[in-house]
Amino acid sequence: MVVRLLHCVTVNCGDNAGMIAAAAYIEWKKGLENVQAGLDLNAKPSLVFEDM
């Protein structure tokens, strides 16, 4: 099994644009270029991973 690991240099780790771009690219490759979140979508910055 071959696993490709992509990571950025430490100086760029605070920028979420790369993660958003990667997620958008994956959705685009699936043919979901017109998918949009509803207006009721709300961020939960205090959400803990264990709660998901």
PDB file of N, CA and C in Angstrom:
ATOM      1  N   MET A   1       0.845  -1.178   0.000  1.00  0.00           N
ATOM      2  CA  MET A   1       0.000   0.000   0.000  1.00  0.00           C
ATOM      3  C   MET A   1       0.884   1.233   0.000  1.00  0.00           C
ATOM      4  N   VAL A   2       0.581   2.168  -0.877  1.00  0.00           N
ATOM      5  CA  VAL A   2       1.339   3.410  -0.957  1.00  0.00           C
ATOM      6  C   VAL A   2       0.455   4.546  -0.459  1.00  0.00           C
ATOM      7  N   VAL A   3       0.960   5.322   0.476  1.00  0.00           N
ATOM      8  CA  VAL A   3       0.232   6.458   1.012  1.00  0.00           C
ATOM      9  C   VAL A   3       1.032   7.709   0.708  1.00  0.00           C
ATOM     10  N   ARG A   4       0.383   8.661   0.053  1.00  0.00           N
ATOM     11  CA  ARG A   4       1.028   9.933  -0.260  1.00  0.00           C
ATOM     12  C   ARG A   4       0.653  10.948   0.800  1.00  0.00           C
ATOM     13  N   LEU A   5       1.615  11.536   1.445  1.00  0.00           N
ATOM     14  CA  LEU A   5       1.375  12.530   2.476  1.00  0.00           C
ATOM     15  C   LEU A   5       1.812  13.887   1.958  1.00  0.00           C
ATOM     16  N   LEU A   6       0.886  14.820   1.943  1.00  0.00           N
ATOM     17  CA  LEU A   6       1.188  16.181   1.531  1.00  0.00           C
ATOM     18  C   LEU A   6       1.082  17.084   2.746  1.00  0.00           C
ATOM     19  N   HIS A   7       2.053  17.915   2.938  1.00  0.00           N
ATOM     20  CA  HIS A   7       2.007  18.848   4.061  1.00  0.00           C
ATOM     21  C   HIS A   7       2.699  20.135   3.663  1.00  0.00           C
ATOM     22  N   CYS A   8       2.349  21.192   4.373  1.00  0.00           N
ATOM     23  CA  CYS A   8       2.964  22.477   4.064  1.00  0.00           C
ATOM     24  C   CYS A   8       4.067  22.780   5.084  1.00  0.00           C
ATOM     25  N   VAL A   9       4.876  23.751   4.744  1.00  0.00           N
ATOM     26  CA  VAL A   9       5.933  24.159   5.675  1.00  0.00           C
ATOM     27  C   VAL A   9       5.283  24.864   6.863  1.00  0.00           C
ATOM     28  N   THR A  10       5.959  24.879   7.978  1.00  0.00           N
ATOM     29  CA  THR A  10       5.413  25.410   9.226  1.00  0.00           C
ATOM     30  C   THR A  10       4.932  26.848   9.094  1.00  0.00           C
ATOM     31  N   VAL A  11       5.612  27.653   8.312  1.00  0.00           N
ATOM     32  CA  VAL A  11       5.236  29.063   8.183  1.00  0.00           C
ATOM     33  C   VAL A  11       3.835  29.209   7.582  1.00  0.00           C
ATOM     34  N   ASN A  12       3.357  28.220   6.826  1.00  0.00           N
ATOM     35  CA  ASN A  12       2.039  28.303   6.199  1.00  0.00           C
ATOM     36  C   ASN A  12       0.944  27.576   6.968  1.00  0.00           C
ATOM     37  N   CYS A  13       1.252  27.016   8.115  1.00  0.00           N
ATOM     38  CA  CYS A  13       0.275  26.198   8.829  1.00  0.00           C
ATOM     39  C   CYS A  13      -0.894  26.987   9.393  1.00  0.00           C
ATOM     40  N   GLY A  14      -0.760  28.272   9.559  1.00  0.00           N
ATOM     41  CA  GLY A  14      -1.857  29.074  10.092  1.00  0.00           C
ATOM     42  C   GLY A  14      -2.864  29.478   9.035  1.00  0.00           C
ATOM     43  N   ASP A  15      -2.629  29.162   7.784  1.00  0.00           N
ATOM     44  CA  ASP A  15      -3.495  29.578   6.690  1.00  0.00           C
ATOM     45  C   ASP A  15      -4.434  28.432   6.313  1.00  0.00           C
ATOM     46  N   ASN A  16      -5.715  28.639   6.487  1.00  0.00           N
ATOM     47  CA  ASN A  16      -6.688  27.603   6.165  1.00  0.00           C
ATOM     48  C   ASN A  16      -7.071  27.587   4.693  1.00  0.00           C
ATOM     49  N   ALA A  17      -6.581  28.528   3.910  1.00  0.00           N
ATOM     50  CA  ALA A  17      -6.954  28.600   2.498  1.00  0.00           C
ATOM     51  C   ALA A  17      -6.572  27.335   1.750  1.00  0.00           C
ATOM     52  N   GLY A  18      -5.458  26.735   2.088  1.00  0.00           N
ATOM     53  CA  GLY A  18      -5.037  25.501   1.433  1.00  0.00           C
ATOM     54  C   GLY A  18      -6.001  24.359   1.709  1.00  0.00           C
ATOM     55  N   MET A  19      -6.487  24.269   2.941  1.00  0.00           N
ATOM     56  CA  MET A  19      -7.441  23.217   3.286  1.00  0.00           C
ATOM     57  C   MET A  19      -8.774  23.435   2.579  1.00  0.00           C
ATOM     58  N   ILE A  20      -9.211  24.675   2.508  1.00  0.00           N
ATOM     59  CA  ILE A  20     -10.464  24.985   1.827  1.00  0.00           C
ATOM     60  C   ILE A  20     -10.333  24.686   0.339  1.00  0.00           C
ATOM     61  N   ALA A  21      -9.200  25.071  -0.241  1.00  0.00           N
ATOM     62  CA  ALA A  21      -8.973  24.803  -1.661  1.00  0.00           C
ATOM     63  C   ALA A  21      -8.941  23.308  -1.946  1.00  0.00           C
ATOM     64  N   ALA A  22      -8.311  22.533  -1.080  1.00  0.00           N
ATOM     65  CA  ALA A  22      -8.242  21.086  -1.272  1.00  0.00           C
ATOM     66  C   ALA A  22      -9.633  20.462  -1.181  1.00  0.00           C
ATOM     67  N   ALA A  23     -10.429  20.895  -0.213  1.00  0.00           N
ATOM     68  CA  ALA A  23     -11.795  20.378  -0.076  1.00  0.00           C
ATOM     69  C   ALA A  23     -12.641  20.754  -1.290  1.00  0.00           C
ATOM     70  N   ALA A  24     -12.489  21.976  -1.771  1.00  0.00           N
ATOM     71  CA  ALA A  24     -13.239  22.418  -2.955  1.00  0.00           C
ATOM     72  C   ALA A  24     -12.821  21.628  -4.184  1.00  0.00           C
ATOM     73  N   TYR A  25     -11.538  21.361  -4.304  1.00  0.00           N
ATOM     74  CA  TYR A  25     -11.048  20.597  -5.455  1.00  0.00           C
ATOM     75  C   TYR A  25     -11.633  19.178  -5.461  1.00  0.00           C
ATOM     76  N   ILE A  26     -11.675  18.556  -4.302  1.00  0.00           N
ATOM     77  CA  ILE A  26     -12.227  17.210  -4.201  1.00  0.00           C
ATOM     78  C   ILE A  26     -13.700  17.210  -4.610  1.00  0.00           C
ATOM     79  N   GLU A  27     -14.461  18.185  -4.117  1.00  0.00           N
ATOM     80  CA  GLU A  27     -15.874  18.274  -4.488  1.00  0.00           C
ATOM     81  C   GLU A  27     -16.025  18.564  -5.979  1.00  0.00           C
ATOM     82  N   TRP A  28     -15.182  19.420  -6.514  1.00  0.00           N
ATOM     83  CA  TRP A  28     -15.226  19.753  -7.937  1.00  0.00           C
ATOM     84  C   TRP A  28     -14.958  18.520  -8.792  1.00  0.00           C
ATOM     85  N   LYS A  29     -13.984  17.703  -8.367  1.00  0.00           N
ATOM     86  CA  LYS A  29     -13.666  16.477  -9.108  1.00  0.00           C
ATOM     87  C   LYS A  29     -14.847  15.505  -9.086  1.00  0.00           C
ATOM     88  N   LYS A  30     -15.672  15.554  -8.035  1.00  0.00           N
ATOM     89  CA  LYS A  30     -16.853  14.701  -7.962  1.00  0.00           C
ATOM     90  C   LYS A  30     -17.977  15.222  -8.857  1.00  0.00           C
ATOM     91  N   GLY A  31     -17.824  16.422  -9.391  1.00  0.00           N
ATOM     92  CA  GLY A  31     -18.859  17.024 -10.216  1.00  0.00           C
ATOM     93  C   GLY A  31     -19.853  17.839  -9.412  1.00  0.00           C
ATOM     94  N   LEU A  32     -19.464  18.275  -8.234  1.00  0.00           N
ATOM     95  CA  LEU A  32     -20.359  19.032  -7.360  1.00  0.00           C
ATOM     96  C   LEU A  32     -19.985  20.509  -7.320  1.00  0.00           C
ATOM     97  N   GLU A  33     -19.675  21.087  -8.477  1.00  0.00           N
ATOM     98  CA  GLU A  33     -19.186  22.465  -8.482  1.00  0.00           C
ATOM     99  C   GLU A  33     -20.244  23.489  -8.084  1.00  0.00           C
ATOM    100  N   ASN A  34     -21.520  23.138  -8.123  1.00  0.00           N
ATOM    101  CA  ASN A  34     -22.559  24.107  -7.799  1.00  0.00           C
ATOM    102  C   ASN A  34     -23.188  23.882  -6.423  1.00  0.00           C
ATOM    103  N   VAL A  35     -22.545  23.110  -5.576  1.00  0.00           N
ATOM    104  CA  VAL A  35     -23.083  22.847  -4.246  1.00  0.00           C
ATOM    105  C   VAL A  35     -22.800  24.046  -3.343  1.00  0.00           C
ATOM    106  N   GLN A  36     -23.836  24.499  -2.668  1.00  0.00           N
ATOM    107  CA  GLN A  36     -23.684  25.621  -1.745  1.00  0.00           C
ATOM    108  C   GLN A  36     -24.352  25.270  -0.424  1.00  0.00           C
ATOM    109  N   ALA A  37     -23.795  25.786   0.652  1.00  0.00           N
ATOM    110  CA  ALA A  37     -24.405  25.596   1.963  1.00  0.00           C
ATOM    111  C   ALA A  37     -25.631  26.488   2.076  1.00  0.00           C
ATOM    112  N   GLY A  38     -26.587  26.070   2.873  1.00  0.00           N
ATOM    113  CA  GLY A  38     -27.778  26.885   3.097  1.00  0.00           C
ATOM    114  C   GLY A  38     -27.462  28.094   3.947  1.00  0.00           C
ATOM    115  N   LEU A  39     -28.367  29.054   3.928  1.00  0.00           N
ATOM    116  CA  LEU A  39     -28.167  30.279   4.711  1.00  0.00           C
ATOM    117  C   LEU A  39     -28.273  30.029   6.213  1.00  0.00           C
ATOM    118  N   ASP A  40     -28.772  28.855   6.601  1.00  0.00           N
ATOM    119  CA  ASP A  40     -28.890  28.535   8.022  1.00  0.00           C
ATOM    120  C   ASP A  40     -27.621  27.904   8.596  1.00  0.00           C
ATOM    121  N   LEU A  41     -26.595  27.709   7.764  1.00  0.00           N
ATOM    122  CA  LEU A  41     -25.336  27.138   8.240  1.00  0.00           C
ATOM    123  C   LEU A  41     -24.658  28.112   9.200  1.00  0.00           C
ATOM    124  N   ASN A  42     -24.196  27.614  10.326  1.00  0.00           N
ATOM    125  CA  ASN A  42     -23.572  28.465  11.331  1.00  0.00           C
ATOM    126  C   ASN A  42     -22.346  27.752  11.885  1.00  0.00           C
ATOM    127  N   ALA A  43     -21.272  28.482  12.051  1.00  0.00           N
ATOM    128  CA  ALA A  43     -20.039  27.925  12.606  1.00  0.00           C
ATOM    129  C   ALA A  43     -20.185  27.721  14.112  1.00  0.00           C
ATOM    130  N   LYS A  44     -19.525  26.707  14.632  1.00  0.00           N
ATOM    131  CA  LYS A  44     -19.503  26.442  16.072  1.00  0.00           C
ATOM    132  C   LYS A  44     -18.044  26.381  16.513  1.00  0.00           C
ATOM    133  N   PRO A  45     -17.422  27.527  16.772  1.00  0.00           N
ATOM    134  CA  PRO A  45     -15.991  27.549  17.072  1.00  0.00           C
ATOM    135  C   PRO A  45     -15.608  26.819  18.355  1.00  0.00           C
ATOM    136  N   SER A  46     -16.546  26.615  19.271  1.00  0.00           N
ATOM    137  CA  SER A  46     -16.223  25.918  20.520  1.00  0.00           C
ATOM    138  C   SER A  46     -16.505  24.415  20.438  1.00  0.00           C
ATOM    139  N   LEU A  47     -16.865  23.906  19.246  1.00  0.00           N
ATOM    140  CA  LEU A  47     -17.169  22.498  19.094  1.00  0.00           C
ATOM    141  C   LEU A  47     -15.930  21.650  19.370  1.00  0.00           C
ATOM    142  N   VAL A  48     -16.101  20.635  20.190  1.00  0.00           N
ATOM    143  CA  VAL A  48     -15.013  19.720  20.537  1.00  0.00           C
ATOM    144  C   VAL A  48     -15.135  18.496  19.640  1.00  0.00           C
ATOM    145  N   PHE A  49     -14.018  17.971  19.149  1.00  0.00           N
ATOM    146  CA  PHE A  49     -14.042  16.831  18.241  1.00  0.00           C
ATOM    147  C   PHE A  49     -14.807  15.648  18.812  1.00  0.00           C
ATOM    148  N   GLU A  50     -14.750  15.421  20.110  1.00  0.00           N
ATOM    149  CA  GLU A  50     -15.444  14.302  20.717  1.00  0.00           C
ATOM    150  C   GLU A  50     -16.954  14.459  20.585  1.00  0.00           C
ATOM    151  N   ASP A  51     -17.449  15.689  20.394  1.00  0.00           N
ATOM    152  CA  ASP A  51     -18.882  15.941  20.273  1.00  0.00           C
ATOM    153  C   ASP A  51     -19.394  15.644  18.866  1.00  0.00           C
ATOM    154  N   MET A  52     -18.523  15.430  17.934  1.00  0.00           N
ATOM    155  CA  MET A  52     -18.935  15.250  16.551  1.00  0.00           C
ATOM    156  C   MET A  52     -19.349  13.820  16.294  1.00  0.00           C
TER     157      MET A  52
END
